Amino acid sequence: MTAPFGALTLAPEIVHFSIDTAAGPLTAFRALPAGQRRGVALLVPGFTGSKEDFRLLLPLIAAHGWEVVSYSQRGQADSAAPSGIDNYRLDDFAADAVTVAHEIGAGGPVHLVGHSLGGLVARAALLRSPALFTDLTMLCSGPGGRAGVHEADAALVAEHGTLAIWALDHPAGSPLTGDDEFVRDRLIASSVDNYLGGARILQSTPDSSIAVRATRVPTLVAHGDTDDAWPIPSQRLMAEQLGAEYRVIPHAGHLPNLDNPGFTAALLDEFWASTN
């Protein structure tokens, strides 16, 4: 058990630990059910995110009877950050997800959720080791990269560091909430190479929907009703191409795990119960 990153208030059910990977130790949160465990789930965060993005969701999922783990990917917040953009390829992130899944599932099948960029990582992890995963949830994610996305921000970060993108929306002297301060501190702690590698993945990853569908692993595509990061029509079309269940999360944008965690936890519980 290690010390949590930042000053966010965490539910008492959340335990902080780390998992050894090829990149080094990746920090993680775990929440355990109070009663009998129904299964194990792994949540993969998105671009500029971290395990903390699921802090409200974890205890709610555990209350449904699931053991659930989220982790910060290589280069995010307090996880290990190898030097060099070539250590932040989609295959590198996917290999980490497989390692974490093996660890938390003790070799047994794991329910897999990927948020945004984490969805692309989760798809790649599934294709690496389909027998390891009971099912896949693409949360506010898409089928592949989109040319030009985050291009200007990546150029800014390459020249001035990760905090430069924070400054775009937070002029000096702006009032900050505790969540604002956490996001700022996470950007400072996160690797420039992680940002640049993540942007490259979001720009250039091919659509793997045919290969994912061929695994026959049950899939759910879900997003907030006002998600503005991935085009909603493309997410709906992706669900059709995957032969996936498709759900819209009300009163939520690109982060339903923070905007409407109760509905999101119930949705995941329903899906996992149907595939368990």
C-alpha atoms as a PDB file:
ATOM      1  CA  MET A   1       0.000   0.000   0.000  1.00  0.00           C
ATOM      2  CA  THR A   2       1.343   3.406  -0.979  1.00  0.00           C
ATOM      3  CA  ALA A   3       0.323   7.010  -0.342  1.00  0.00           C
ATOM      4  CA  PRO A   4      -2.388   8.441  -2.634  1.00  0.00           C
ATOM      5  CA  PHE A   5      -1.526  11.182  -5.128  1.00  0.00           C
ATOM      6  CA  GLY A   6      -2.980  14.652  -4.555  1.00  0.00           C
ATOM      7  CA  ALA A   7      -5.391  15.945  -1.952  1.00  0.00           C
ATOM      8  CA  LEU A   8      -8.736  14.612  -3.195  1.00  0.00           C
ATOM      9  CA  THR A   9     -11.130  13.181  -0.629  1.00  0.00           C
ATOM     10  CA  LEU A  10     -11.486   9.450  -1.251  1.00  0.00           C
ATOM     11  CA  ALA A  11     -14.136   7.039  -0.029  1.00  0.00           C
ATOM     12  CA  PRO A  12     -12.899   4.828   2.822  1.00  0.00           C
ATOM     13  CA  GLU A  13     -13.527   1.739   0.678  1.00  0.00           C
ATOM     14  CA  ILE A  14     -10.741   2.733  -1.719  1.00  0.00           C
ATOM     15  CA  VAL A  15      -7.326   1.148  -1.178  1.00  0.00           C
ATOM     16  CA  HIS A  16      -4.242   2.537  -2.935  1.00  0.00           C
ATOM     17  CA  PHE A  17      -1.591   0.099  -4.190  1.00  0.00           C
ATOM     18  CA  SER A  18       0.795  -0.436  -7.117  1.00  0.00           C
ATOM     19  CA  ILE A  19       1.355  -3.079  -9.783  1.00  0.00           C
ATOM     20  CA  ASP A  20       4.731  -3.899 -11.335  1.00  0.00           C
ATOM     21  CA  THR A  21       4.821  -3.745 -15.145  1.00  0.00           C
ATOM     22  CA  ALA A  22       7.414  -3.469 -17.884  1.00  0.00           C
ATOM     23  CA  ALA A  23       7.147   0.321 -17.507  1.00  0.00           C
ATOM     24  CA  GLY A  24       7.717   0.165 -13.749  1.00  0.00           C
ATOM     25  CA  PRO A  25       5.151   0.400 -10.933  1.00  0.00           C
ATOM     26  CA  LEU A  26       1.723   1.691 -11.942  1.00  0.00           C
ATOM     27  CA  THR A  27      -0.409   3.116  -9.145  1.00  0.00           C
ATOM     28  CA  ALA A  28      -3.922   1.781  -8.658  1.00  0.00           C
ATOM     29  CA  PHE A  29      -7.108   1.964  -6.616  1.00  0.00           C
ATOM     30  CA  ARG A  30      -9.077  -1.065  -5.477  1.00  0.00           C
ATOM     31  CA  ALA A  31     -12.539  -1.321  -3.919  1.00  0.00           C
ATOM     32  CA  LEU A  32     -13.808  -4.624  -2.534  1.00  0.00           C
ATOM     33  CA  PRO A  33     -17.430  -5.687  -2.078  1.00  0.00           C
ATOM     34  CA  ALA A  34     -18.672  -6.062   1.466  1.00  0.00           C
ATOM     35  CA  GLY A  35     -20.176  -9.487   0.741  1.00  0.00           C
ATOM     36  CA  GLN A  36     -19.530 -12.266  -1.742  1.00  0.00           C
ATOM     37  CA  ARG A  37     -17.503 -11.207  -4.774  1.00  0.00           C
ATOM     38  CA  ARG A  38     -19.330 -11.573  -8.095  1.00  0.00           C
ATOM     39  CA  GLY A  39     -16.281 -10.917 -10.274  1.00  0.00           C
ATOM     40  CA  VAL A  40     -13.371  -8.569 -10.967  1.00  0.00           C
ATOM     41  CA  ALA A  41     -13.416  -5.434 -13.132  1.00  0.00           C
ATOM     42  CA  LEU A  42     -10.633  -3.250 -14.504  1.00  0.00           C
ATOM     43  CA  LEU A  43     -11.138   0.421 -15.434  1.00  0.00           C
ATOM     44  CA  VAL A  44      -8.655   2.091 -17.814  1.00  0.00           C
ATOM     45  CA  PRO A  45      -8.496   5.931 -17.787  1.00  0.00           C
ATOM     46  CA  GLY A  46      -8.289   8.178 -20.804  1.00  0.00           C
ATOM     47  CA  PHE A  47      -6.099  10.929 -22.233  1.00  0.00           C
ATOM     48  CA  THR A  48      -4.620  13.184 -19.498  1.00  0.00           C
ATOM     49  CA  GLY A  49      -6.540  11.093 -16.971  1.00  0.00           C
ATOM     50  CA  SER A  50      -5.620   8.799 -14.080  1.00  0.00           C
ATOM     51  CA  LYS A  51      -7.089   6.286 -11.657  1.00  0.00           C
ATOM     52  CA  GLU A  52      -8.677   9.177  -9.758  1.00  0.00           C
ATOM     53  CA  ASP A  53     -11.176   9.713 -12.583  1.00  0.00           C
ATOM     54  CA  PHE A  54     -13.024   6.659 -11.232  1.00  0.00           C
ATOM     55  CA  ARG A  55     -12.923   7.609  -7.549  1.00  0.00           C
ATOM     56  CA  LEU A  56     -16.693   8.171  -7.312  1.00  0.00           C
ATOM     57  CA  LEU A  57     -17.522   5.089  -9.367  1.00  0.00           C
ATOM     58  CA  LEU A  58     -15.376   2.509  -7.544  1.00  0.00           C
ATOM     59  CA  PRO A  59     -17.318   2.274  -4.253  1.00  0.00           C
ATOM     60  CA  LEU A  60     -20.639   2.254  -6.125  1.00  0.00           C
ATOM     61  CA  ILE A  61     -19.501  -0.668  -8.288  1.00  0.00           C
ATOM     62  CA  ALA A  62     -18.208  -2.485  -5.199  1.00  0.00           C
ATOM     63  CA  ALA A  63     -21.625  -1.995  -3.575  1.00  0.00           C
ATOM     64  CA  HIS A  64     -23.087  -4.089  -6.413  1.00  0.00           C
ATOM     65  CA  GLY A  65     -20.772  -6.945  -5.434  1.00  0.00           C
ATOM     66  CA  TRP A  66     -17.817  -6.490  -7.778  1.00  0.00           C
ATOM     67  CA  GLU A  67     -14.143  -6.153  -6.936  1.00  0.00           C
ATOM     68  CA  VAL A  68     -12.998  -3.202  -9.031  1.00  0.00           C
ATOM     69  CA  VAL A  69      -9.602  -1.708  -9.856  1.00  0.00           C
ATOM     70  CA  SER A  70      -8.583   1.450 -11.682  1.00  0.00           C
ATOM     71  CA  TYR A  71      -4.991   2.390 -12.431  1.00  0.00           C
ATOM     72  CA  SER A  72      -2.983   5.299 -13.762  1.00  0.00           C
ATOM     73  CA  GLN A  73      -1.373   4.409 -17.070  1.00  0.00           C
ATOM     74  CA  ARG A  74       2.355   4.821 -17.673  1.00  0.00           C
ATOM     75  CA  GLY A  75       3.276   8.492 -17.543  1.00  0.00           C
ATOM     76  CA  GLN A  76       0.066   9.543 -15.768  1.00  0.00           C
ATOM     77  CA  ALA A  77       0.226  11.265 -12.362  1.00  0.00           C
ATOM     78  CA  ASP A  78       2.278   9.131  -9.954  1.00  0.00           C
ATOM     79  CA  SER A  79       2.709   6.043 -12.151  1.00  0.00           C
ATOM     80  CA  ALA A  80       6.093   5.148 -13.628  1.00  0.00           C
ATOM     81  CA  ALA A  81       7.033   7.328 -16.610  1.00  0.00           C
ATOM     82  CA  PRO A  82       9.597   5.844 -19.001  1.00  0.00           C
ATOM     83  CA  SER A  83      11.524   8.456 -20.964  1.00  0.00           C
ATOM     84  CA  GLY A  84      10.935   8.799 -24.712  1.00  0.00           C
ATOM     85  CA  ILE A  85       7.766   9.004 -26.816  1.00  0.00           C
ATOM     86  CA  ASP A  86       8.468   5.560 -28.272  1.00  0.00           C
ATOM     87  CA  ASN A  87       7.597   4.111 -24.858  1.00  0.00           C
ATOM     88  CA  TYR A  88       4.042   5.399 -25.277  1.00  0.00           C
ATOM     89  CA  ARG A  89       2.741   3.400 -28.223  1.00  0.00           C
ATOM     90  CA  LEU A  90      -0.693   1.775 -28.166  1.00  0.00           C
ATOM     91  CA  ASP A  91       0.982  -1.630 -27.847  1.00  0.00           C
ATOM     92  CA  ASP A  92       2.847  -0.427 -24.732  1.00  0.00           C
ATOM     93  CA  PHE A  93      -0.335   0.768 -23.020  1.00  0.00           C
ATOM     94  CA  ALA A  94      -2.168  -2.425 -24.037  1.00  0.00           C
ATOM     95  CA  ALA A  95       0.625  -4.621 -22.662  1.00  0.00           C
ATOM     96  CA  ASP A  96       0.330  -2.783 -19.339  1.00  0.00           C
ATOM     97  CA  ALA A  97      -3.445  -3.367 -19.274  1.00  0.00           C
ATOM     98  CA  VAL A  98      -2.915  -7.094 -19.866  1.00  0.00           C
ATOM     99  CA  THR A  99      -0.319  -7.223 -17.070  1.00  0.00           C
ATOM    100  CA  VAL A 100      -2.649  -5.442 -14.649  1.00  0.00           C
ATOM    101  CA  ALA A 101      -5.579  -7.681 -15.612  1.00  0.00           C
ATOM    102  CA  HIS A 102      -3.490 -10.820 -15.046  1.00  0.00           C
ATOM    103  CA  GLU A 103      -2.451  -9.505 -11.649  1.00  0.00           C
ATOM    104  CA  ILE A 104      -5.864  -8.511 -10.322  1.00  0.00           C
ATOM    105  CA  GLY A 105      -7.707 -11.467 -11.832  1.00  0.00           C
ATOM    106  CA  ALA A 106      -5.087 -14.035 -10.776  1.00  0.00           C
ATOM    107  CA  GLY A 107      -5.210 -15.325 -14.358  1.00  0.00           C
ATOM    108  CA  GLY A 108      -9.012 -15.527 -14.408  1.00  0.00           C
ATOM    109  CA  PRO A 109     -11.314 -13.476 -16.648  1.00  0.00           C
ATOM    110  CA  VAL A 110     -11.820  -9.783 -15.926  1.00  0.00           C
ATOM    111  CA  HIS A 111     -14.517  -7.304 -16.956  1.00  0.00           C
ATOM    112  CA  LEU A 112     -12.743  -4.553 -18.931  1.00  0.00           C
ATOM    113  CA  VAL A 113     -13.778  -0.886 -19.216  1.00  0.00           C
ATOM    114  CA  GLY A 114     -11.869   1.729 -21.207  1.00  0.00           C
ATOM    115  CA  HIS A 115     -12.699   5.444 -21.018  1.00  0.00           C
ATOM    116  CA  SER A 116     -11.933   7.613 -24.085  1.00  0.00           C
ATOM    117  CA  LEU A 117      -8.282   6.916 -25.043  1.00  0.00           C
ATOM    118  CA  GLY A 118      -8.512   4.099 -22.511  1.00  0.00           C
ATOM    119  CA  GLY A 119     -11.113   2.542 -24.798  1.00  0.00           C
ATOM    120  CA  LEU A 120      -8.545   2.255 -27.587  1.00  0.00           C
ATOM    121  CA  VAL A 121      -6.120   0.765 -25.051  1.00  0.00           C
ATOM    122  CA  ALA A 122      -8.783  -1.686 -23.862  1.00  0.00           C
ATOM    123  CA  ARG A 123      -9.563  -2.791 -27.427  1.00  0.00           C
ATOM    124  CA  ALA A 124      -5.874  -3.412 -28.084  1.00  0.00           C
ATOM    125  CA  ALA A 125      -5.544  -5.320 -24.791  1.00  0.00           C
ATOM    126  CA  LEU A 126      -8.531  -7.480 -25.729  1.00  0.00           C
ATOM    127  CA  LEU A 127      -6.973  -8.315 -29.100  1.00  0.00           C
ATOM    128  CA  ARG A 128      -3.705  -9.262 -27.390  1.00  0.00           C
ATOM    129  CA  SER A 129      -5.393 -11.618 -24.933  1.00  0.00           C
ATOM    130  CA  PRO A 130      -9.117 -12.185 -25.618  1.00  0.00           C
ATOM    131  CA  ALA A 131      -9.397 -15.130 -23.215  1.00  0.00           C
ATOM    132  CA  LEU A 132      -8.405 -12.831 -20.351  1.00  0.00           C
ATOM    133  CA  PHE A 133     -11.520 -10.657 -20.593  1.00  0.00           C
ATOM    134  CA  THR A 134     -15.137 -11.545 -19.895  1.00  0.00           C
ATOM    135  CA  ASP A 135     -16.416  -8.527 -21.788  1.00  0.00           C
ATOM    136  CA  LEU A 136     -15.471  -5.040 -22.996  1.00  0.00           C
ATOM    137  CA  THR A 137     -17.080  -1.672 -22.298  1.00  0.00           C
ATOM    138  CA  MET A 138     -16.170   1.297 -24.473  1.00  0.00           C
ATOM    139  CA  LEU A 139     -17.044   4.334 -22.352  1.00  0.00           C
ATOM    140  CA  CYS A 140     -17.113   7.640 -24.269  1.00  0.00           C
ATOM    141  CA  SER A 141     -14.623   6.229 -26.759  1.00  0.00           C
ATOM    142  CA  GLY A 142     -14.422   5.631 -30.487  1.00  0.00           C
ATOM    143  CA  PRO A 143     -13.395   3.162 -33.180  1.00  0.00           C
ATOM    144  CA  GLY A 144      -9.969   4.635 -33.897  1.00  0.00           C
ATOM    145  CA  GLY A 145      -7.922   7.762 -34.387  1.00  0.00           C
ATOM    146  CA  ARG A 146      -9.053  11.015 -35.972  1.00  0.00           C
ATOM    147  CA  ALA A 147      -6.557  13.002 -38.044  1.00  0.00           C
ATOM    148  CA  GLY A 148      -5.550  16.332 -36.512  1.00  0.00           C
ATOM    149  CA  VAL A 149      -7.157  15.850 -33.088  1.00  0.00           C
ATOM    150  CA  HIS A 150      -5.089  17.471 -30.297  1.00  0.00           C
ATOM    151  CA  GLU A 151      -2.464  18.487 -32.885  1.00  0.00           C
ATOM    152  CA  ALA A 152      -2.197  22.115 -31.758  1.00  0.00           C
ATOM    153  CA  ASP A 153      -2.211  21.165 -28.070  1.00  0.00           C
ATOM    154  CA  ALA A 154       0.508  18.570 -28.633  1.00  0.00           C
ATOM    155  CA  ALA A 155       2.708  21.179 -30.301  1.00  0.00           C
ATOM    156  CA  LEU A 156       2.140  23.500 -27.330  1.00  0.00           C
ATOM    157  CA  VAL A 157       3.012  20.779 -24.814  1.00  0.00           C
ATOM    158  CA  ALA A 158       6.122  19.765 -26.770  1.00  0.00           C
ATOM    159  CA  GLU A 159       7.419  23.328 -26.537  1.00  0.00           C
ATOM    160  CA  HIS A 160       6.189  24.500 -23.129  1.00  0.00           C
ATOM    161  CA  GLY A 161       5.266  21.392 -21.100  1.00  0.00           C
ATOM    162  CA  THR A 162       1.995  19.898 -19.898  1.00  0.00           C
ATOM    163  CA  LEU A 163       0.929  22.881 -17.819  1.00  0.00           C
ATOM    164  CA  ALA A 164       0.663  24.999 -20.986  1.00  0.00           C
ATOM    165  CA  ILE A 165      -2.693  23.446 -21.897  1.00  0.00           C
ATOM    166  CA  TRP A 166      -3.986  24.151 -18.385  1.00  0.00           C
ATOM    167  CA  ALA A 167      -3.147  27.820 -18.809  1.00  0.00           C
ATOM    168  CA  LEU A 168      -5.370  28.052 -21.908  1.00  0.00           C
ATOM    169  CA  ASP A 169      -8.515  27.644 -19.789  1.00  0.00           C
ATOM    170  CA  HIS A 170      -7.219  28.955 -16.459  1.00  0.00           C
ATOM    171  CA  PRO A 171      -5.742  32.452 -16.696  1.00  0.00           C
ATOM    172  CA  ALA A 172      -3.528  33.532 -13.819  1.00  0.00           C
ATOM    173  CA  GLY A 173      -5.632  34.464 -10.797  1.00  0.00           C
ATOM    174  CA  SER A 174      -8.668  32.370 -11.769  1.00  0.00           C
ATOM    175  CA  PRO A 175     -10.544  30.911  -8.769  1.00  0.00           C
ATOM    176  CA  LEU A 176      -9.877  27.190  -8.450  1.00  0.00           C
ATOM    177  CA  THR A 177     -11.885  24.381  -6.874  1.00  0.00           C
ATOM    178  CA  GLY A 178     -10.216  21.403  -5.225  1.00  0.00           C
ATOM    179  CA  ASP A 179     -10.880  19.385  -8.383  1.00  0.00           C
ATOM    180  CA  ASP A 180      -9.281  22.146 -10.497  1.00  0.00           C
ATOM    181  CA  GLU A 181      -6.174  22.048  -8.341  1.00  0.00           C
ATOM    182  CA  PHE A 182      -5.986  18.273  -8.626  1.00  0.00           C
ATOM    183  CA  VAL A 183      -6.204  18.364 -12.428  1.00  0.00           C
ATOM    184  CA  ARG A 184      -3.494  21.044 -12.494  1.00  0.00           C
ATOM    185  CA  ASP A 185      -1.207  19.058 -10.217  1.00  0.00           C
ATOM    186  CA  ARG A 186      -1.827  15.891 -12.244  1.00  0.00           C
ATOM    187  CA  LEU A 187      -0.829  17.675 -15.436  1.00  0.00           C
ATOM    188  CA  ILE A 188       2.370  18.903 -13.794  1.00  0.00           C
ATOM    189  CA  ALA A 189       3.210  15.390 -12.585  1.00  0.00           C
ATOM    190  CA  SER A 190       2.343  13.652 -15.850  1.00  0.00           C
ATOM    191  CA  SER A 191       4.915  12.968 -18.557  1.00  0.00           C
ATOM    192  CA  VAL A 192       5.220  15.122 -21.659  1.00  0.00           C
ATOM    193  CA  ASP A 193       6.021  11.917 -23.553  1.00  0.00           C
ATOM    194  CA  ASN A 194       2.759  10.394 -22.306  1.00  0.00           C
ATOM    195  CA  TYR A 195       0.841  13.385 -23.650  1.00  0.00           C
ATOM    196  CA  LEU A 196       2.574  13.312 -27.021  1.00  0.00           C
ATOM    197  CA  GLY A 197       2.253   9.548 -27.338  1.00  0.00           C
ATOM    198  CA  GLY A 198      -1.417   9.680 -26.387  1.00  0.00           C
ATOM    199  CA  ALA A 199      -2.096  12.415 -28.933  1.00  0.00           C
ATOM    200  CA  ARG A 200      -0.398  10.332 -31.617  1.00  0.00           C
ATOM    201  CA  ILE A 201      -2.591   7.335 -30.739  1.00  0.00           C
ATOM    202  CA  LEU A 202      -5.729   9.475 -30.904  1.00  0.00           C
ATOM    203  CA  GLN A 203      -4.680  10.764 -34.308  1.00  0.00           C
ATOM    204  CA  SER A 204      -3.563   7.591 -36.063  1.00  0.00           C
ATOM    205  CA  THR A 205      -4.969   4.376 -34.559  1.00  0.00           C
ATOM    206  CA  PRO A 206      -6.757   2.257 -37.206  1.00  0.00           C
ATOM    207  CA  ASP A 207     -10.331   1.128 -36.626  1.00  0.00           C
ATOM    208  CA  SER A 208     -10.141  -2.389 -35.162  1.00  0.00           C
ATOM    209  CA  SER A 209     -13.899  -3.011 -34.918  1.00  0.00           C
ATOM    210  CA  ILE A 210     -13.875  -6.014 -37.270  1.00  0.00           C
ATOM    211  CA  ALA A 211     -11.126  -7.722 -35.290  1.00  0.00           C
ATOM    212  CA  VAL A 212     -12.776  -6.919 -31.948  1.00  0.00           C
ATOM    213  CA  ARG A 213     -16.123  -8.306 -33.122  1.00  0.00           C
ATOM    214  CA  ALA A 214     -14.384 -11.470 -34.350  1.00  0.00           C
ATOM    215  CA  THR A 215     -13.288 -12.236 -30.772  1.00  0.00           C
ATOM    216  CA  ARG A 216     -16.989 -12.736 -29.911  1.00  0.00           C
ATOM    217  CA  VAL A 217     -16.368 -11.066 -26.550  1.00  0.00           C
ATOM    218  CA  PRO A 218     -19.598  -9.291 -25.444  1.00  0.00           C
ATOM    219  CA  THR A 219     -19.287  -5.540 -25.825  1.00  0.00           C
ATOM    220  CA  LEU A 220     -21.071  -2.461 -24.499  1.00  0.00           C
ATOM    221  CA  VAL A 221     -20.767   1.014 -26.003  1.00  0.00           C
ATOM    222  CA  ALA A 222     -21.930   3.779 -23.659  1.00  0.00           C
ATOM    223  CA  HIS A 223     -21.518   7.554 -23.479  1.00  0.00           C
ATOM    224  CA  GLY A 224     -22.920  10.618 -21.777  1.00  0.00           C
ATOM    225  CA  ASP A 225     -25.883  12.276 -23.472  1.00  0.00           C
ATOM    226  CA  THR A 226     -23.830  15.452 -23.990  1.00  0.00           C
ATOM    227  CA  ASP A 227     -20.433  13.848 -24.690  1.00  0.00           C
ATOM    228  CA  ASP A 228     -18.517  16.400 -26.758  1.00  0.00           C
ATOM    229  CA  ALA A 229     -15.128  14.666 -27.042  1.00  0.00           C
ATOM    230  CA  TRP A 230     -16.045  11.761 -29.320  1.00  0.00           C
ATOM    231  CA  PRO A 231     -18.767  12.420 -31.928  1.00  0.00           C
ATOM    232  CA  ILE A 232     -21.911  10.674 -30.694  1.00  0.00           C
ATOM    233  CA  PRO A 233     -22.928   9.445 -34.194  1.00  0.00           C
ATOM    234  CA  SER A 234     -19.540   7.712 -34.517  1.00  0.00           C
ATOM    235  CA  GLN A 235     -20.040   5.979 -31.169  1.00  0.00           C
ATOM    236  CA  ARG A 236     -23.495   4.798 -32.213  1.00  0.00           C
ATOM    237  CA  LEU A 237     -22.118   3.517 -35.525  1.00  0.00           C
ATOM    238  CA  MET A 238     -19.260   1.794 -33.696  1.00  0.00           C
ATOM    239  CA  ALA A 239     -21.789  -0.080 -31.562  1.00  0.00           C
ATOM    240  CA  GLU A 240     -23.505  -1.330 -34.714  1.00  0.00           C
ATOM    241  CA  GLN A 241     -20.197  -2.407 -36.246  1.00  0.00           C
ATOM    242  CA  LEU A 242     -19.217  -4.246 -33.058  1.00  0.00           C
ATOM    243  CA  GLY A 243     -22.627  -5.863 -32.637  1.00  0.00           C
ATOM    244  CA  ALA A 244     -22.541  -4.259 -29.208  1.00  0.00           C
ATOM    245  CA  GLU A 245     -25.157  -3.198 -26.718  1.00  0.00           C
ATOM    246  CA  TYR A 246     -25.572   0.600 -26.911  1.00  0.00           C
ATOM    247  CA  ARG A 247     -26.591   2.829 -24.021  1.00  0.00           C
ATOM    248  CA  VAL A 248     -26.750   6.585 -23.409  1.00  0.00           C
ATOM    249  CA  ILE A 249     -26.028   7.856 -19.888  1.00  0.00           C
ATOM    250  CA  PRO A 250     -28.301  10.789 -18.943  1.00  0.00           C
ATOM    251  CA  HIS A 251     -27.121  14.006 -17.320  1.00  0.00           C
ATOM    252  CA  ALA A 252     -23.501  13.324 -18.289  1.00  0.00           C
ATOM    253  CA  GLY A 253     -20.863  14.588 -20.672  1.00  0.00           C
ATOM    254  CA  HIS A 254     -17.520  13.010 -21.502  1.00  0.00           C
ATOM    255  CA  LEU A 255     -16.977  11.914 -17.884  1.00  0.00           C
ATOM    256  CA  PRO A 256     -20.111  10.014 -16.817  1.00  0.00           C
ATOM    257  CA  ASN A 257     -17.948   8.334 -14.175  1.00  0.00           C
ATOM    258  CA  LEU A 258     -17.873  11.759 -12.461  1.00  0.00           C
ATOM    259  CA  ASP A 259     -21.062  13.368 -13.823  1.00  0.00           C
ATOM    260  CA  ASN A 260     -23.478  10.507 -13.107  1.00  0.00           C
ATOM    261  CA  PRO A 261     -21.600   7.723 -11.320  1.00  0.00           C
ATOM    262  CA  GLY A 262     -24.727   6.109  -9.857  1.00  0.00           C
ATOM    263  CA  PHE A 263     -26.325   5.475 -13.251  1.00  0.00           C
ATOM    264  CA  THR A 264     -22.973   4.416 -14.711  1.00  0.00           C
ATOM    265  CA  ALA A 265     -22.360   1.887 -11.924  1.00  0.00           C
ATOM    266  CA  ALA A 266     -25.862   0.436 -12.335  1.00  0.00           C
ATOM    267  CA  LEU A 267     -25.378   0.205 -16.100  1.00  0.00           C
ATOM    268  CA  LEU A 268     -22.082  -1.672 -15.709  1.00  0.00           C
ATOM    269  CA  ASP A 269     -23.619  -3.967 -13.091  1.00  0.00           C
ATOM    270  CA  GLU A 270     -26.473  -4.838 -15.443  1.00  0.00           C
ATOM    271  CA  PHE A 271     -24.105  -5.536 -18.348  1.00  0.00           C
ATOM    272  CA  TRP A 272     -21.664  -7.603 -16.316  1.00  0.00           C
ATOM    273  CA  ALA A 273     -24.478  -9.641 -14.791  1.00  0.00           C
ATOM    274  CA  SER A 274     -25.599 -10.529 -18.317  1.00  0.00           C
ATOM    275  CA  THR A 275     -22.140 -11.796 -19.343  1.00  0.00           C
ATOM    276  CA  ASN A 276     -20.867 -13.295 -16.087  1.00  0.00           C
END
